[in-house]
Amino acid sequence: MFHITREGDLPEVEPRILLIERGEEGWPVLDEEDLEQRLEVIRNSVYLEELRKEPDIAAYRQFYWRLGIDPTKRRPSAEALVRRIIAGKPFPRINPIVDRYNLISAENRVSLGAFSVDHLASKELVLRMAEQDEPFLGIGFPEAKPCTGQELVLAVAEEIIALYPYRDSHNSRIRGDDTSVLFVLCVVPGVEESRIEMAAQALVSEFLGEL
């Protein structure tokens, strides 16, 4: 069973993990009609200028500031998705797994991480601060970048798999044919517990058809 341990003096965050295995019929594909209906609900849920005032969005922004990250330049993932949808920009289609969890992230305003269990070296996850110059190869990076030592990271077997709560690793990324996926629901101070629970239930329902 996967679990997360904390090392050192860390911010008050308690990420939640959820393991979902691929069903016999594979991962469910998000068809265009279903996608468009759900995007329309998101578009009508809030005005763009009001989005940053939503309590959960504001909580992620405040947490970013505490980490020394400017959320107006590097937006929390859920907020970035909602902004993209409200602006009418194309929804990013990556693969059946990523497409669906991105949609859930936008619907619930909860930042989510996702990691291929096929490419995790251990079930022991560690939440800690990065070491000075520790390398991290994030999704979309052309090469590994050195950490400053101020980043809050999630690591497995000494390898950083995420800069918490905003960028996942290239090596443990979701390919689309993964046998199992470990989801991390990025909890930060100020995000309502009920919102996290709703996102977790949505993931289970989305991929397993269970409530």
N, C-alpha and C. Protein backbone atom coordinates (compact mmCIF):
# COMPACT_ATOMS: atom_id res chain seq x y z
N MET A 1 0.84 -1.19 0.00
CA MET A 1 0.00 0.00 0.00
C MET A 1 0.88 1.25 0.00
N PHE A 2 0.53 2.21 -0.82
CA PHE A 2 1.28 3.46 -0.88
C PHE A 2 0.96 4.33 0.33
N HIS A 3 1.95 5.03 0.80
CA HIS A 3 1.70 6.02 1.84
C HIS A 3 2.78 7.10 1.79
N ILE A 4 2.47 8.24 2.40
CA ILE A 4 3.36 9.39 2.39
C ILE A 4 3.86 9.66 3.80
N THR A 5 5.17 9.84 3.93
CA THR A 5 5.74 10.27 5.19
C THR A 5 6.31 11.68 5.01
N ARG A 6 6.40 12.40 6.11
CA ARG A 6 6.91 13.77 6.10
C ARG A 6 8.31 13.79 6.70
N GLU A 7 9.18 14.59 6.10
CA GLU A 7 10.54 14.73 6.61
C GLU A 7 10.86 16.21 6.80
N GLY A 8 11.34 16.55 7.98
CA GLY A 8 11.78 17.92 8.22
C GLY A 8 10.67 18.86 8.60
N ASP A 9 11.01 20.13 8.66
CA ASP A 9 10.08 21.20 9.02
C ASP A 9 9.36 21.65 7.76
N LEU A 10 8.09 21.27 7.63
CA LEU A 10 7.35 21.50 6.39
C LEU A 10 6.12 22.37 6.63
N PRO A 11 5.62 22.98 5.55
CA PRO A 11 4.34 23.69 5.66
C PRO A 11 3.24 22.72 6.08
N GLU A 12 2.16 23.27 6.61
CA GLU A 12 1.05 22.45 7.09
C GLU A 12 0.19 21.97 5.92
N VAL A 13 0.65 20.94 5.25
CA VAL A 13 -0.11 20.33 4.16
C VAL A 13 -0.21 18.83 4.40
N GLU A 14 -1.32 18.25 4.02
CA GLU A 14 -1.54 16.83 4.18
C GLU A 14 -2.11 16.26 2.88
N PRO A 15 -1.26 15.99 1.88
CA PRO A 15 -1.77 15.45 0.62
C PRO A 15 -2.46 14.11 0.82
N ARG A 16 -3.48 13.87 0.00
CA ARG A 16 -4.21 12.60 0.03
C ARG A 16 -3.85 11.80 -1.20
N ILE A 17 -3.78 10.49 -1.06
CA ILE A 17 -3.45 9.64 -2.20
C ILE A 17 -4.60 8.68 -2.49
N LEU A 18 -4.73 8.34 -3.75
CA LEU A 18 -5.80 7.46 -4.21
C LEU A 18 -5.26 6.61 -5.34
N LEU A 19 -5.27 5.30 -5.16
CA LEU A 19 -4.77 4.37 -6.17
C LEU A 19 -5.95 3.82 -6.98
N ILE A 20 -5.87 3.95 -8.29
CA ILE A 20 -6.91 3.41 -9.17
C ILE A 20 -6.26 2.52 -10.22
N GLU A 21 -6.76 1.30 -10.34
CA GLU A 21 -6.22 0.33 -11.29
C GLU A 21 -7.04 0.32 -12.57
N ARG A 22 -6.36 0.03 -13.66
CA ARG A 22 -7.02 -0.04 -14.96
C ARG A 22 -8.04 -1.18 -14.97
N GLY A 23 -9.24 -0.91 -15.46
CA GLY A 23 -10.27 -1.93 -15.53
C GLY A 23 -10.04 -2.90 -16.67
N GLU A 24 -10.85 -3.94 -16.72
CA GLU A 24 -10.70 -4.97 -17.75
C GLU A 24 -10.88 -4.40 -19.15
N GLU A 25 -11.69 -3.36 -19.28
CA GLU A 25 -11.95 -2.76 -20.59
C GLU A 25 -11.05 -1.55 -20.87
N GLY A 26 -10.06 -1.37 -20.01
CA GLY A 26 -9.13 -0.26 -20.19
C GLY A 26 -9.65 1.03 -19.56
N TRP A 27 -8.95 2.10 -19.80
CA TRP A 27 -9.32 3.39 -19.25
C TRP A 27 -10.43 4.01 -20.11
N PRO A 28 -11.48 4.53 -19.47
CA PRO A 28 -12.59 5.09 -20.25
C PRO A 28 -12.18 6.35 -21.02
N VAL A 29 -12.57 6.38 -22.29
CA VAL A 29 -12.26 7.52 -23.14
C VAL A 29 -13.28 8.63 -22.91
N LEU A 30 -12.81 9.85 -22.92
CA LEU A 30 -13.68 11.01 -22.77
C LEU A 30 -14.13 11.46 -24.16
N ASP A 31 -15.40 11.20 -24.48
CA ASP A 31 -15.86 11.56 -25.83
C ASP A 31 -16.17 13.05 -25.91
N GLU A 32 -16.21 13.55 -27.14
CA GLU A 32 -16.33 14.98 -27.37
C GLU A 32 -17.64 15.56 -26.84
N GLU A 33 -18.73 14.83 -26.98
CA GLU A 33 -20.02 15.34 -26.53
C GLU A 33 -20.05 15.52 -25.02
N ASP A 34 -19.57 14.50 -24.32
CA ASP A 34 -19.51 14.57 -22.86
C ASP A 34 -18.59 15.70 -22.43
N LEU A 35 -17.44 15.80 -23.08
CA LEU A 35 -16.48 16.86 -22.75
C LEU A 35 -17.11 18.23 -22.92
N GLU A 36 -17.76 18.47 -24.06
CA GLU A 36 -18.31 19.79 -24.34
C GLU A 36 -19.41 20.16 -23.35
N GLN A 37 -20.23 19.21 -22.96
CA GLN A 37 -21.29 19.49 -21.98
C GLN A 37 -20.69 19.92 -20.65
N ARG A 38 -19.64 19.24 -20.23
CA ARG A 38 -19.02 19.55 -18.95
C ARG A 38 -18.23 20.86 -19.00
N LEU A 39 -17.61 21.12 -20.14
CA LEU A 39 -16.92 22.41 -20.30
C LEU A 39 -17.90 23.57 -20.25
N GLU A 40 -19.08 23.38 -20.81
CA GLU A 40 -20.08 24.44 -20.81
C GLU A 40 -20.53 24.76 -19.39
N VAL A 41 -20.66 23.74 -18.55
CA VAL A 41 -21.02 23.96 -17.15
C VAL A 41 -19.94 24.79 -16.45
N ILE A 42 -18.68 24.47 -16.72
CA ILE A 42 -17.58 25.22 -16.10
C ILE A 42 -17.58 26.66 -16.59
N ARG A 43 -17.79 26.86 -17.89
CA ARG A 43 -17.81 28.22 -18.45
C ARG A 43 -18.88 29.08 -17.79
N ASN A 44 -20.00 28.46 -17.44
CA ASN A 44 -21.11 29.21 -16.86
C ASN A 44 -21.07 29.27 -15.33
N SER A 45 -20.03 28.69 -14.73
CA SER A 45 -19.99 28.60 -13.27
C SER A 45 -19.44 29.86 -12.59
N VAL A 46 -18.64 30.63 -13.33
CA VAL A 46 -18.01 31.80 -12.71
C VAL A 46 -17.51 32.75 -13.79
N TYR A 47 -17.53 34.04 -13.50
CA TYR A 47 -16.91 35.02 -14.39
C TYR A 47 -15.40 35.01 -14.14
N LEU A 48 -14.64 35.23 -15.19
CA LEU A 48 -13.19 35.16 -15.10
C LEU A 48 -12.65 36.08 -14.01
N GLU A 49 -13.18 37.29 -13.93
CA GLU A 49 -12.65 38.25 -12.95
C GLU A 49 -13.00 37.88 -11.50
N GLU A 50 -13.94 36.95 -11.33
CA GLU A 50 -14.33 36.52 -9.99
C GLU A 50 -13.63 35.24 -9.55
N LEU A 51 -12.95 34.57 -10.49
CA LEU A 51 -12.39 33.25 -10.20
C LEU A 51 -11.40 33.28 -9.05
N ARG A 52 -10.50 34.26 -9.05
CA ARG A 52 -9.45 34.30 -8.02
C ARG A 52 -10.00 34.53 -6.62
N LYS A 53 -11.28 34.97 -6.54
CA LYS A 53 -11.89 35.22 -5.24
C LYS A 53 -12.55 33.98 -4.64
N GLU A 54 -12.70 32.93 -5.45
CA GLU A 54 -13.28 31.71 -4.91
C GLU A 54 -12.38 31.20 -3.78
N PRO A 55 -12.95 30.73 -2.66
CA PRO A 55 -12.14 30.36 -1.50
C PRO A 55 -11.04 29.34 -1.79
N ASP A 56 -11.34 28.30 -2.56
CA ASP A 56 -10.34 27.27 -2.82
C ASP A 56 -9.24 27.77 -3.75
N ILE A 57 -9.63 28.53 -4.76
CA ILE A 57 -8.62 29.13 -5.65
C ILE A 57 -7.73 30.08 -4.86
N ALA A 58 -8.34 30.89 -4.01
CA ALA A 58 -7.58 31.83 -3.19
C ALA A 58 -6.62 31.11 -2.25
N ALA A 59 -7.04 29.95 -1.73
CA ALA A 59 -6.19 29.18 -0.82
C ALA A 59 -4.92 28.69 -1.52
N TYR A 60 -5.07 28.20 -2.75
CA TYR A 60 -3.88 27.77 -3.50
C TYR A 60 -2.97 28.97 -3.79
N ARG A 61 -3.57 30.09 -4.15
CA ARG A 61 -2.77 31.29 -4.41
C ARG A 61 -1.98 31.71 -3.18
N GLN A 62 -2.62 31.71 -2.03
CA GLN A 62 -1.95 32.10 -0.79
C GLN A 62 -0.81 31.13 -0.46
N PHE A 63 -1.04 29.85 -0.71
CA PHE A 63 -0.01 28.86 -0.45
C PHE A 63 1.18 29.06 -1.39
N TYR A 64 0.92 29.39 -2.64
CA TYR A 64 2.00 29.67 -3.58
C TYR A 64 2.86 30.82 -3.07
N TRP A 65 2.21 31.90 -2.58
CA TRP A 65 2.96 33.02 -2.07
C TRP A 65 3.87 32.58 -0.91
N ARG A 66 3.35 31.69 -0.06
CA ARG A 66 4.16 31.21 1.08
C ARG A 66 5.39 30.44 0.61
N LEU A 67 5.27 29.80 -0.55
CA LEU A 67 6.40 29.05 -1.11
C LEU A 67 7.34 29.96 -1.91
N GLY A 68 6.99 31.23 -2.03
CA GLY A 68 7.80 32.14 -2.81
C GLY A 68 7.51 32.09 -4.29
N ILE A 69 6.32 31.58 -4.66
CA ILE A 69 5.91 31.48 -6.06
C ILE A 69 4.84 32.52 -6.33
N ASP A 70 5.01 33.28 -7.40
CA ASP A 70 4.03 34.28 -7.78
C ASP A 70 2.90 33.60 -8.56
N PRO A 71 1.70 33.46 -7.96
CA PRO A 71 0.61 32.74 -8.63
C PRO A 71 0.01 33.49 -9.81
N THR A 72 0.41 34.73 -10.02
CA THR A 72 -0.05 35.44 -11.21
C THR A 72 0.83 35.12 -12.41
N LYS A 73 2.00 34.54 -12.15
CA LYS A 73 2.91 34.16 -13.23
C LYS A 73 2.93 32.64 -13.42
N ARG A 74 2.85 31.89 -12.34
CA ARG A 74 2.75 30.43 -12.39
C ARG A 74 1.48 30.05 -11.66
N ARG A 75 0.41 29.91 -12.40
CA ARG A 75 -0.89 29.73 -11.78
C ARG A 75 -1.08 28.31 -11.25
N PRO A 76 -1.81 28.19 -10.13
CA PRO A 76 -2.20 26.85 -9.66
C PRO A 76 -2.90 26.09 -10.78
N SER A 77 -2.63 24.78 -10.87
CA SER A 77 -3.07 24.01 -12.03
C SER A 77 -4.58 24.05 -12.24
N ALA A 78 -5.36 23.93 -11.15
CA ALA A 78 -6.81 23.96 -11.30
C ALA A 78 -7.28 25.31 -11.83
N GLU A 79 -6.71 26.38 -11.28
CA GLU A 79 -7.08 27.71 -11.74
C GLU A 79 -6.71 27.91 -13.21
N ALA A 80 -5.52 27.44 -13.60
CA ALA A 80 -5.08 27.59 -14.98
C ALA A 80 -6.04 26.89 -15.94
N LEU A 81 -6.50 25.70 -15.56
CA LEU A 81 -7.44 24.96 -16.40
C LEU A 81 -8.77 25.70 -16.53
N VAL A 82 -9.30 26.17 -15.39
CA VAL A 82 -10.58 26.88 -15.42
C VAL A 82 -10.46 28.15 -16.26
N ARG A 83 -9.37 28.89 -16.09
CA ARG A 83 -9.17 30.10 -16.88
C ARG A 83 -9.15 29.78 -18.37
N ARG A 84 -8.47 28.71 -18.73
CA ARG A 84 -8.39 28.32 -20.13
C ARG A 84 -9.78 28.00 -20.68
N ILE A 85 -10.57 27.30 -19.88
CA ILE A 85 -11.91 26.90 -20.32
C ILE A 85 -12.81 28.12 -20.46
N ILE A 86 -12.81 29.00 -19.46
CA ILE A 86 -13.66 30.20 -19.49
C ILE A 86 -13.29 31.09 -20.68
N ALA A 87 -12.00 31.14 -21.01
CA ALA A 87 -11.54 31.97 -22.12
C ALA A 87 -11.88 31.35 -23.48
N GLY A 88 -12.40 30.13 -23.48
CA GLY A 88 -12.78 29.49 -24.73
C GLY A 88 -11.63 28.86 -25.49
N LYS A 89 -10.51 28.69 -24.81
CA LYS A 89 -9.36 28.06 -25.45
C LYS A 89 -9.56 26.54 -25.51
N PRO A 90 -8.92 25.85 -26.47
CA PRO A 90 -9.10 24.39 -26.59
C PRO A 90 -8.69 23.67 -25.32
N PHE A 91 -9.48 22.70 -24.93
CA PHE A 91 -9.15 21.88 -23.76
C PHE A 91 -8.02 20.94 -24.18
N PRO A 92 -6.94 20.85 -23.40
CA PRO A 92 -5.81 20.01 -23.80
C PRO A 92 -6.16 18.52 -23.76
N ARG A 93 -6.06 17.86 -24.90
CA ARG A 93 -6.31 16.42 -24.97
C ARG A 93 -4.96 15.71 -24.99
N ILE A 94 -4.69 14.93 -23.94
CA ILE A 94 -3.40 14.25 -23.80
C ILE A 94 -3.57 12.74 -23.99
N ASN A 95 -4.35 12.14 -23.11
CA ASN A 95 -4.71 10.72 -23.20
C ASN A 95 -5.93 10.53 -22.29
N PRO A 96 -6.60 9.36 -22.36
CA PRO A 96 -7.85 9.20 -21.61
C PRO A 96 -7.76 9.48 -20.11
N ILE A 97 -6.64 9.17 -19.51
CA ILE A 97 -6.50 9.37 -18.06
C ILE A 97 -6.31 10.84 -17.74
N VAL A 98 -5.36 11.46 -18.41
CA VAL A 98 -5.06 12.88 -18.15
C VAL A 98 -6.26 13.76 -18.49
N ASP A 99 -6.92 13.46 -19.61
CA ASP A 99 -8.08 14.26 -20.00
C ASP A 99 -9.13 14.28 -18.89
N ARG A 100 -9.43 13.13 -18.34
CA ARG A 100 -10.49 13.04 -17.33
C ARG A 100 -10.07 13.65 -16.00
N TYR A 101 -8.84 13.43 -15.57
CA TYR A 101 -8.50 14.01 -14.26
C TYR A 101 -8.29 15.52 -14.36
N ASN A 102 -7.87 16.01 -15.53
CA ASN A 102 -7.82 17.46 -15.70
C ASN A 102 -9.21 18.08 -15.60
N LEU A 103 -10.18 17.41 -16.19
CA LEU A 103 -11.55 17.90 -16.14
C LEU A 103 -12.08 17.91 -14.70
N ILE A 104 -11.78 16.87 -13.96
CA ILE A 104 -12.19 16.80 -12.55
C ILE A 104 -11.51 17.90 -11.75
N SER A 105 -10.25 18.16 -12.03
CA SER A 105 -9.53 19.22 -11.34
C SER A 105 -10.21 20.57 -11.56
N ALA A 106 -10.60 20.84 -12.81
CA ALA A 106 -11.26 22.10 -13.13
C ALA A 106 -12.65 22.18 -12.50
N GLU A 107 -13.37 21.09 -12.52
CA GLU A 107 -14.73 21.08 -11.98
C GLU A 107 -14.74 21.30 -10.47
N ASN A 108 -13.74 20.74 -9.78
CA ASN A 108 -13.72 20.79 -8.32
C ASN A 108 -12.76 21.83 -7.75
N ARG A 109 -11.99 22.49 -8.64
CA ARG A 109 -11.03 23.52 -8.22
C ARG A 109 -9.96 22.96 -7.29
N VAL A 110 -9.60 21.68 -7.52
CA VAL A 110 -8.59 21.02 -6.69
C VAL A 110 -7.41 20.62 -7.58
N SER A 111 -6.21 21.01 -7.18
CA SER A 111 -5.02 20.62 -7.92
C SER A 111 -4.74 19.14 -7.69
N LEU A 112 -4.49 18.42 -8.79
CA LEU A 112 -4.27 16.98 -8.72
C LEU A 112 -2.93 16.62 -9.34
N GLY A 113 -2.24 15.68 -8.72
CA GLY A 113 -1.06 15.07 -9.33
C GLY A 113 -1.42 13.65 -9.71
N ALA A 114 -0.76 13.10 -10.70
CA ALA A 114 -1.03 11.72 -11.11
C ALA A 114 0.27 11.08 -11.57
N PHE A 115 0.50 9.85 -11.10
CA PHE A 115 1.76 9.18 -11.36
C PHE A 115 1.52 7.73 -11.78
N SER A 116 2.26 7.32 -12.81
CA SER A 116 2.14 5.94 -13.28
C SER A 116 2.81 5.00 -12.29
N VAL A 117 2.05 4.08 -11.74
CA VAL A 117 2.61 3.12 -10.80
C VAL A 117 3.66 2.26 -11.48
N ASP A 118 3.51 2.06 -12.80
CA ASP A 118 4.48 1.27 -13.56
C ASP A 118 5.88 1.88 -13.51
N HIS A 119 5.96 3.16 -13.21
CA HIS A 119 7.25 3.86 -13.26
C HIS A 119 7.63 4.46 -11.91
N LEU A 120 7.05 3.95 -10.83
CA LEU A 120 7.44 4.35 -9.49
C LEU A 120 8.32 3.26 -8.89
N ALA A 121 9.45 3.65 -8.34
CA ALA A 121 10.41 2.67 -7.84
C ALA A 121 10.06 2.11 -6.47
N SER A 122 9.11 2.74 -5.79
CA SER A 122 8.77 2.32 -4.43
C SER A 122 7.36 2.79 -4.09
N LYS A 123 6.77 2.17 -3.07
CA LYS A 123 5.48 2.60 -2.56
C LYS A 123 5.63 3.58 -1.40
N GLU A 124 6.88 3.90 -1.08
CA GLU A 124 7.18 4.84 0.00
C GLU A 124 7.39 6.23 -0.57
N LEU A 125 6.41 7.11 -0.38
CA LEU A 125 6.52 8.48 -0.85
C LEU A 125 6.94 9.37 0.31
N VAL A 126 7.77 10.35 0.01
CA VAL A 126 8.27 11.26 1.05
C VAL A 126 7.96 12.70 0.64
N LEU A 127 7.35 13.43 1.54
CA LEU A 127 7.13 14.87 1.36
C LEU A 127 8.23 15.58 2.13
N ARG A 128 9.02 16.38 1.42
CA ARG A 128 10.17 17.03 2.04
C ARG A 128 10.53 18.29 1.26
N MET A 129 11.52 19.01 1.76
CA MET A 129 12.05 20.14 1.02
C MET A 129 13.15 19.63 0.09
N ALA A 130 13.27 20.25 -1.06
CA ALA A 130 14.31 19.86 -2.01
C ALA A 130 15.68 20.23 -1.46
N GLU A 131 16.69 19.52 -1.90
CA GLU A 131 18.06 19.87 -1.57
C GLU A 131 18.59 20.87 -2.59
N GLN A 132 19.54 21.67 -2.18
CA GLN A 132 20.16 22.63 -3.08
C GLN A 132 20.74 21.92 -4.29
N ASP A 133 20.36 22.36 -5.49
CA ASP A 133 20.84 21.83 -6.77
C ASP A 133 20.36 20.41 -7.06
N GLU A 134 19.41 19.90 -6.30
CA GLU A 134 18.85 18.58 -6.59
C GLU A 134 18.12 18.63 -7.93
N PRO A 135 18.39 17.69 -8.84
CA PRO A 135 17.79 17.78 -10.18
C PRO A 135 16.32 17.35 -10.18
N PHE A 136 15.55 18.02 -11.03
CA PHE A 136 14.15 17.65 -11.23
C PHE A 136 13.82 17.80 -12.70
N LEU A 137 13.33 16.71 -13.31
CA LEU A 137 12.90 16.73 -14.70
C LEU A 137 11.38 16.73 -14.73
N GLY A 138 10.82 17.91 -14.90
CA GLY A 138 9.37 18.05 -14.91
C GLY A 138 8.79 17.80 -16.29
N ILE A 139 7.49 17.55 -16.31
CA ILE A 139 6.80 17.39 -17.58
C ILE A 139 6.95 18.68 -18.39
N GLY A 140 7.38 18.53 -19.63
CA GLY A 140 7.58 19.70 -20.48
C GLY A 140 8.97 20.31 -20.42
N PHE A 141 9.82 19.82 -19.49
CA PHE A 141 11.19 20.33 -19.40
C PHE A 141 12.06 19.66 -20.47
N PRO A 142 12.88 20.40 -21.19
CA PRO A 142 13.79 19.76 -22.14
C PRO A 142 14.92 19.01 -21.45
N GLU A 143 15.23 19.42 -20.22
CA GLU A 143 16.25 18.74 -19.42
C GLU A 143 16.00 19.03 -17.95
N ALA A 144 16.65 18.26 -17.09
CA ALA A 144 16.47 18.44 -15.65
C ALA A 144 16.98 19.82 -15.22
N LYS A 145 16.27 20.41 -14.25
CA LYS A 145 16.67 21.70 -13.71
C LYS A 145 17.05 21.53 -12.25
N PRO A 146 18.03 22.31 -11.76
CA PRO A 146 18.41 22.21 -10.35
C PRO A 146 17.41 22.94 -9.46
N CYS A 147 17.11 22.35 -8.33
CA CYS A 147 16.22 22.98 -7.36
C CYS A 147 17.01 24.01 -6.55
N THR A 148 16.31 24.96 -6.00
CA THR A 148 16.95 26.00 -5.19
C THR A 148 17.09 25.58 -3.73
N GLY A 149 16.35 24.54 -3.34
CA GLY A 149 16.32 24.13 -1.94
C GLY A 149 15.14 24.70 -1.20
N GLN A 150 14.33 25.53 -1.87
CA GLN A 150 13.15 26.13 -1.25
C GLN A 150 11.85 25.46 -1.70
N GLU A 151 11.95 24.48 -2.60
CA GLU A 151 10.76 23.82 -3.12
C GLU A 151 10.27 22.70 -2.19
N LEU A 152 8.97 22.61 -2.06
CA LEU A 152 8.35 21.49 -1.36
C LEU A 152 8.16 20.40 -2.40
N VAL A 153 8.69 19.20 -2.14
CA VAL A 153 8.67 18.16 -3.17
C VAL A 153 8.10 16.86 -2.62
N LEU A 154 7.63 16.06 -3.56
CA LEU A 154 7.21 14.68 -3.28
C LEU A 154 8.23 13.80 -3.97
N ALA A 155 8.83 12.87 -3.22
CA ALA A 155 9.90 12.05 -3.76
C ALA A 155 9.63 10.57 -3.53
N VAL A 156 10.19 9.76 -4.42
CA VAL A 156 10.13 8.30 -4.30
C VAL A 156 11.52 7.77 -4.57
N ALA A 157 12.06 7.03 -3.61
CA ALA A 157 13.40 6.43 -3.76
C ALA A 157 14.43 7.47 -4.21
N GLU A 158 14.45 8.60 -3.53
CA GLU A 158 15.40 9.70 -3.76
C GLU A 158 15.12 10.51 -5.02
N GLU A 159 14.16 10.10 -5.83
CA GLU A 159 13.84 10.84 -7.05
C GLU A 159 12.63 11.73 -6.81
N ILE A 160 12.74 12.99 -7.17
CA ILE A 160 11.60 13.90 -7.06
C ILE A 160 10.58 13.57 -8.14
N ILE A 161 9.35 13.31 -7.72
CA ILE A 161 8.30 13.03 -8.70
C ILE A 161 7.34 14.21 -8.84
N ALA A 162 7.46 15.20 -7.96
CA ALA A 162 6.58 16.38 -8.09
C ALA A 162 7.14 17.54 -7.29
N LEU A 163 7.00 18.73 -7.85
CA LEU A 163 7.14 19.96 -7.08
C LEU A 163 5.74 20.26 -6.59
N TYR A 164 5.52 20.10 -5.30
CA TYR A 164 4.17 20.20 -4.72
C TYR A 164 3.78 21.66 -4.58
N PRO A 165 2.60 22.05 -5.04
CA PRO A 165 1.56 21.21 -5.66
C PRO A 165 1.35 21.54 -7.14
N TYR A 166 2.42 21.81 -7.91
CA TYR A 166 2.15 22.39 -9.22
C TYR A 166 2.81 21.73 -10.43
N ARG A 167 3.79 20.85 -10.28
CA ARG A 167 4.37 20.23 -11.47
C ARG A 167 4.82 18.80 -11.17
N ASP A 168 4.42 17.88 -12.05
CA ASP A 168 4.78 16.47 -11.90
C ASP A 168 6.00 16.12 -12.73
N SER A 169 6.56 14.95 -12.44
CA SER A 169 7.79 14.51 -13.09
C SER A 169 7.54 13.89 -14.46
N HIS A 170 8.49 14.09 -15.36
CA HIS A 170 8.43 13.47 -16.68
C HIS A 170 8.53 11.95 -16.57
N ASN A 171 9.39 11.45 -15.71
CA ASN A 171 9.64 10.01 -15.64
C ASN A 171 8.44 9.22 -15.15
N SER A 172 7.67 9.78 -14.24
CA SER A 172 6.51 9.05 -13.69
C SER A 172 5.19 9.57 -14.26
N ARG A 173 5.26 10.25 -15.40
CA ARG A 173 4.06 10.81 -16.03
C ARG A 173 3.11 9.71 -16.49
N ILE A 174 1.87 10.08 -16.70
CA ILE A 174 0.85 9.16 -17.20
C ILE A 174 1.01 9.00 -18.70
N ARG A 175 1.17 7.75 -19.14
CA ARG A 175 1.34 7.48 -20.57
C ARG A 175 0.01 7.22 -21.27
N GLY A 176 -0.98 6.70 -20.55
CA GLY A 176 -2.28 6.40 -21.12
C GLY A 176 -2.62 4.93 -21.14
N ASP A 177 -1.59 4.08 -21.09
CA ASP A 177 -1.81 2.64 -21.04
C ASP A 177 -1.35 2.05 -19.71
N ASP A 178 -1.22 2.91 -18.71
CA ASP A 178 -0.70 2.52 -17.39
C ASP A 178 -1.59 1.47 -16.73
N THR A 179 -0.99 0.54 -16.02
CA THR A 179 -1.77 -0.49 -15.33
C THR A 179 -2.47 0.07 -14.10
N SER A 180 -1.84 1.05 -13.45
CA SER A 180 -2.42 1.70 -12.27
C SER A 180 -1.92 3.13 -12.20
N VAL A 181 -2.74 3.97 -11.58
CA VAL A 181 -2.38 5.39 -11.42
C VAL A 181 -2.52 5.77 -9.95
N LEU A 182 -1.51 6.45 -9.44
CA LEU A 182 -1.56 6.98 -8.09
C LEU A 182 -1.89 8.46 -8.19
N PHE A 183 -3.06 8.83 -7.72
CA PHE A 183 -3.47 10.23 -7.73
C PHE A 183 -3.11 10.86 -6.39
N VAL A 184 -2.62 12.08 -6.45
CA VAL A 184 -2.34 12.86 -5.24
C VAL A 184 -3.23 14.09 -5.28
N LEU A 185 -4.10 14.19 -4.29
CA LEU A 185 -4.97 15.36 -4.16
C LEU A 185 -4.21 16.38 -3.32
N CYS A 186 -3.90 17.50 -3.93
CA CYS A 186 -3.01 18.48 -3.32
C CYS A 186 -3.77 19.36 -2.33
N VAL A 187 -3.71 18.99 -1.08
CA VAL A 187 -4.37 19.74 -0.02
C VAL A 187 -3.45 20.86 0.45
N VAL A 188 -4.00 22.04 0.60
CA VAL A 188 -3.26 23.17 1.17
C VAL A 188 -4.17 23.84 2.19
N PRO A 189 -3.60 24.62 3.12
CA PRO A 189 -4.44 25.30 4.11
C PRO A 189 -5.51 26.16 3.45
N GLY A 190 -6.73 26.05 3.95
CA GLY A 190 -7.82 26.87 3.44
C GLY A 190 -8.72 26.16 2.46
N VAL A 191 -8.27 25.03 1.89
CA VAL A 191 -9.12 24.25 0.99
C VAL A 191 -10.05 23.39 1.83
N GLU A 192 -11.33 23.46 1.57
CA GLU A 192 -12.32 22.75 2.37
C GLU A 192 -12.16 21.24 2.21
N GLU A 193 -12.27 20.54 3.33
CA GLU A 193 -12.20 19.07 3.32
C GLU A 193 -13.26 18.48 2.41
N SER A 194 -14.43 19.09 2.40
CA SER A 194 -15.52 18.59 1.56
C SER A 194 -15.16 18.68 0.09
N ARG A 195 -14.39 19.69 -0.30
CA ARG A 195 -13.97 19.84 -1.69
C ARG A 195 -13.01 18.72 -2.08
N ILE A 196 -12.10 18.38 -1.17
CA ILE A 196 -11.16 17.29 -1.43
C ILE A 196 -11.90 15.97 -1.55
N GLU A 197 -12.86 15.75 -0.68
CA GLU A 197 -13.64 14.51 -0.71
C GLU A 197 -14.45 14.41 -2.00
N MET A 198 -15.00 15.51 -2.44
CA MET A 198 -15.76 15.52 -3.69
C MET A 198 -14.86 15.17 -4.88
N ALA A 199 -13.65 15.70 -4.88
CA ALA A 199 -12.72 15.40 -5.97
C ALA A 199 -12.32 13.94 -5.95
N ALA A 200 -12.09 13.38 -4.76
CA ALA A 200 -11.73 11.96 -4.65
C ALA A 200 -12.87 11.08 -5.14
N GLN A 201 -14.09 11.40 -4.74
CA GLN A 201 -15.25 10.63 -5.18
C GLN A 201 -15.43 10.74 -6.70
N ALA A 202 -15.15 11.92 -7.24
CA ALA A 202 -15.28 12.12 -8.68
C ALA A 202 -14.27 11.26 -9.44
N LEU A 203 -13.06 11.13 -8.92
CA LEU A 203 -12.06 10.28 -9.56
C LEU A 203 -12.50 8.83 -9.59
N VAL A 204 -13.01 8.36 -8.46
CA VAL A 204 -13.48 6.97 -8.39
C VAL A 204 -14.62 6.76 -9.37
N SER A 205 -15.59 7.66 -9.37
CA SER A 205 -16.73 7.54 -10.27
C SER A 205 -16.31 7.61 -11.73
N GLU A 206 -15.39 8.51 -12.02
CA GLU A 206 -14.94 8.73 -13.41
C GLU A 206 -14.28 7.49 -13.99
N PHE A 207 -13.42 6.86 -13.20
CA PHE A 207 -12.61 5.77 -13.74
C PHE A 207 -13.17 4.38 -13.43
N LEU A 208 -13.93 4.27 -12.37
CA LEU A 208 -14.44 2.96 -11.98
C LEU A 208 -15.96 2.85 -12.07
N GLY A 209 -16.62 3.99 -12.24
CA GLY A 209 -18.08 3.97 -12.31
C GLY A 209 -18.73 3.68 -10.98
N GLU A 210 -18.01 3.97 -9.88
CA GLU A 210 -18.52 3.71 -8.54
C GLU A 210 -18.66 5.01 -7.78
N LEU A 211 -19.59 5.06 -6.83
CA LEU A 211 -19.76 6.23 -5.97
C LEU A 211 -19.27 5.90 -4.56
